[in-house]
Amino acid sequence: MSYIATFYSHFGAIRFKKLCQQEGIPVKVMPVPRALSSSCGTCAEYGGSDPCPGGEYPAEVEQVVEVTGEGYRPVYRAEGS
């Protein structure tokens, strides 16, 4: 499965990328697709069977969506977003 996480800051995206790399999860940082919104414009696309690397989403994560054939399916949204 493929997921996209958006962030409140570019720094948060970079930290999340490092977390994924530490967990052995393939990840790339890229601009946020137009269909999604983000405070910083940077997202991380990553793969795996678990949408939550490391067991808990860092505070910098704004939302996570699963990439599907029809678009995006919401998986997580930070409270207050």
C-alpha atoms as a PDB file:
ATOM      1  CA  MET A   1       0.000   0.000   0.000  1.00  0.00           C
ATOM      2  CA  SER A   2       1.064   3.567  -0.601  1.00  0.00           C
ATOM      3  CA  TYR A   3       0.382   6.504   1.714  1.00  0.00           C
ATOM      4  CA  ILE A   4       0.893  10.262   1.649  1.00  0.00           C
ATOM      5  CA  ALA A   5       1.443  12.268   4.810  1.00  0.00           C
ATOM      6  CA  THR A   6       1.170  16.073   4.867  1.00  0.00           C
ATOM      7  CA  PHE A   7       2.790  18.278   7.477  1.00  0.00           C
ATOM      8  CA  TYR A   8       2.526  21.618   9.234  1.00  0.00           C
ATOM      9  CA  SER A   9       6.159  22.411   8.386  1.00  0.00           C
ATOM     10  CA  HIS A  10       8.932  21.359   6.024  1.00  0.00           C
ATOM     11  CA  PHE A  11      10.984  20.393   9.094  1.00  0.00           C
ATOM     12  CA  GLY A  12       8.231  17.943  10.094  1.00  0.00           C
ATOM     13  CA  ALA A  13       8.371  16.314   6.667  1.00  0.00           C
ATOM     14  CA  ILE A  14      12.129  15.828   6.937  1.00  0.00           C
ATOM     15  CA  ARG A  15      11.817  14.339  10.449  1.00  0.00           C
ATOM     16  CA  PHE A  16       9.115  11.957   9.214  1.00  0.00           C
ATOM     17  CA  LYS A  17      11.342  10.894   6.315  1.00  0.00           C
ATOM     18  CA  LYS A  18      14.111  10.027   8.791  1.00  0.00           C
ATOM     19  CA  LEU A  19      11.630   8.061  10.935  1.00  0.00           C
ATOM     20  CA  CYS A  20      10.550   6.014   7.916  1.00  0.00           C
ATOM     21  CA  GLN A  21      14.151   5.386   6.917  1.00  0.00           C
ATOM     22  CA  GLN A  22      14.973   4.191  10.452  1.00  0.00           C
ATOM     23  CA  GLU A  23      12.034   1.768  10.244  1.00  0.00           C
ATOM     24  CA  GLY A  24      13.201   0.507   6.817  1.00  0.00           C
ATOM     25  CA  ILE A  25      10.161   1.986   5.046  1.00  0.00           C
ATOM     26  CA  PRO A  26      10.622   3.301   1.493  1.00  0.00           C
ATOM     27  CA  VAL A  27       9.847   7.047   1.498  1.00  0.00           C
ATOM     28  CA  LYS A  28      10.257  10.117  -0.680  1.00  0.00           C
ATOM     29  CA  VAL A  29       9.606  13.778   0.067  1.00  0.00           C
ATOM     30  CA  MET A  30       7.781  15.665  -2.685  1.00  0.00           C
ATOM     31  CA  PRO A  31       5.357  18.551  -3.327  1.00  0.00           C
ATOM     32  CA  VAL A  32       1.803  17.972  -2.080  1.00  0.00           C
ATOM     33  CA  PRO A  33      -0.588  16.806  -4.842  1.00  0.00           C
ATOM     34  CA  ARG A  34      -3.192  19.443  -5.804  1.00  0.00           C
ATOM     35  CA  ALA A  35      -6.054  17.272  -4.522  1.00  0.00           C
ATOM     36  CA  LEU A  36      -4.604  17.492  -0.984  1.00  0.00           C
ATOM     37  CA  SER A  37      -3.819  20.546   1.072  1.00  0.00           C
ATOM     38  CA  SER A  38      -0.949  21.272   3.425  1.00  0.00           C
ATOM     39  CA  SER A  39       0.395  24.120   5.481  1.00  0.00           C
ATOM     40  CA  CYS A  40       3.920  23.727   4.149  1.00  0.00           C
ATOM     41  CA  GLY A  41       3.469  22.295   0.638  1.00  0.00           C
ATOM     42  CA  THR A  42       5.730  19.294   1.317  1.00  0.00           C
ATOM     43  CA  CYS A  43       4.534  15.735   1.778  1.00  0.00           C
ATOM     44  CA  ALA A  44       6.039  12.286   2.231  1.00  0.00           C
ATOM     45  CA  GLU A  45       4.934   9.344   0.120  1.00  0.00           C
ATOM     46  CA  TYR A  46       5.731   6.025   1.729  1.00  0.00           C
ATOM     47  CA  GLY A  47       4.809   2.368   1.424  1.00  0.00           C
ATOM     48  CA  GLY A  48       4.013  -0.533   3.671  1.00  0.00           C
ATOM     49  CA  SER A  49       1.206  -2.449   5.296  1.00  0.00           C
ATOM     50  CA  ASP A  50       1.006  -0.129   8.328  1.00  0.00           C
ATOM     51  CA  PRO A  51      -0.008   3.497   7.680  1.00  0.00           C
ATOM     52  CA  CYS A  52       1.602   4.576  10.978  1.00  0.00           C
ATOM     53  CA  PRO A  53       5.399   4.105  10.972  1.00  0.00           C
ATOM     54  CA  GLY A  54       6.823   3.796  14.463  1.00  0.00           C
ATOM     55  CA  GLY A  55       3.422   3.145  16.077  1.00  0.00           C
ATOM     56  CA  GLU A  56       2.346   6.769  16.611  1.00  0.00           C
ATOM     57  CA  TYR A  57       2.083   9.767  14.295  1.00  0.00           C
ATOM     58  CA  PRO A  58       4.479  12.605  15.187  1.00  0.00           C
ATOM     59  CA  ALA A  59       2.844  15.926  16.150  1.00  0.00           C
ATOM     60  CA  GLU A  60       4.043  17.473  12.857  1.00  0.00           C
ATOM     61  CA  VAL A  61       1.740  15.213  10.780  1.00  0.00           C
ATOM     62  CA  GLU A  62      -1.321  17.092   9.529  1.00  0.00           C
ATOM     63  CA  GLN A  63      -3.001  14.196   7.701  1.00  0.00           C
ATOM     64  CA  VAL A  64      -2.358  10.800   6.126  1.00  0.00           C
ATOM     65  CA  VAL A  65      -4.191   9.378   3.124  1.00  0.00           C
ATOM     66  CA  GLU A  66      -3.992   6.030   1.369  1.00  0.00           C
ATOM     67  CA  VAL A  67      -3.349   6.287  -2.362  1.00  0.00           C
ATOM     68  CA  THR A  68      -6.043   4.289  -4.201  1.00  0.00           C
ATOM     69  CA  GLY A  69      -6.930   3.737  -7.844  1.00  0.00           C
ATOM     70  CA  GLU A  70      -9.772   6.250  -7.437  1.00  0.00           C
ATOM     71  CA  GLY A  71      -7.763   8.914  -5.580  1.00  0.00           C
ATOM     72  CA  TYR A  72      -7.187   9.206  -1.842  1.00  0.00           C
ATOM     73  CA  ARG A  73      -8.796   7.600   1.200  1.00  0.00           C
ATOM     74  CA  PRO A  74      -8.370   9.442   4.531  1.00  0.00           C
ATOM     75  CA  VAL A  75      -6.503   7.426   7.164  1.00  0.00           C
ATOM     76  CA  TYR A  76      -5.592  10.043   9.796  1.00  0.00           C
ATOM     77  CA  ARG A  77      -6.231  13.724  10.458  1.00  0.00           C
ATOM     78  CA  ALA A  78      -4.711  15.626  13.374  1.00  0.00           C
ATOM     79  CA  GLU A  79      -7.205  17.029  15.846  1.00  0.00           C
ATOM     80  CA  GLY A  80      -7.999  20.647  15.088  1.00  0.00           C
ATOM     81  CA  SER A  81      -7.145  20.329  11.374  1.00  0.00           C
END
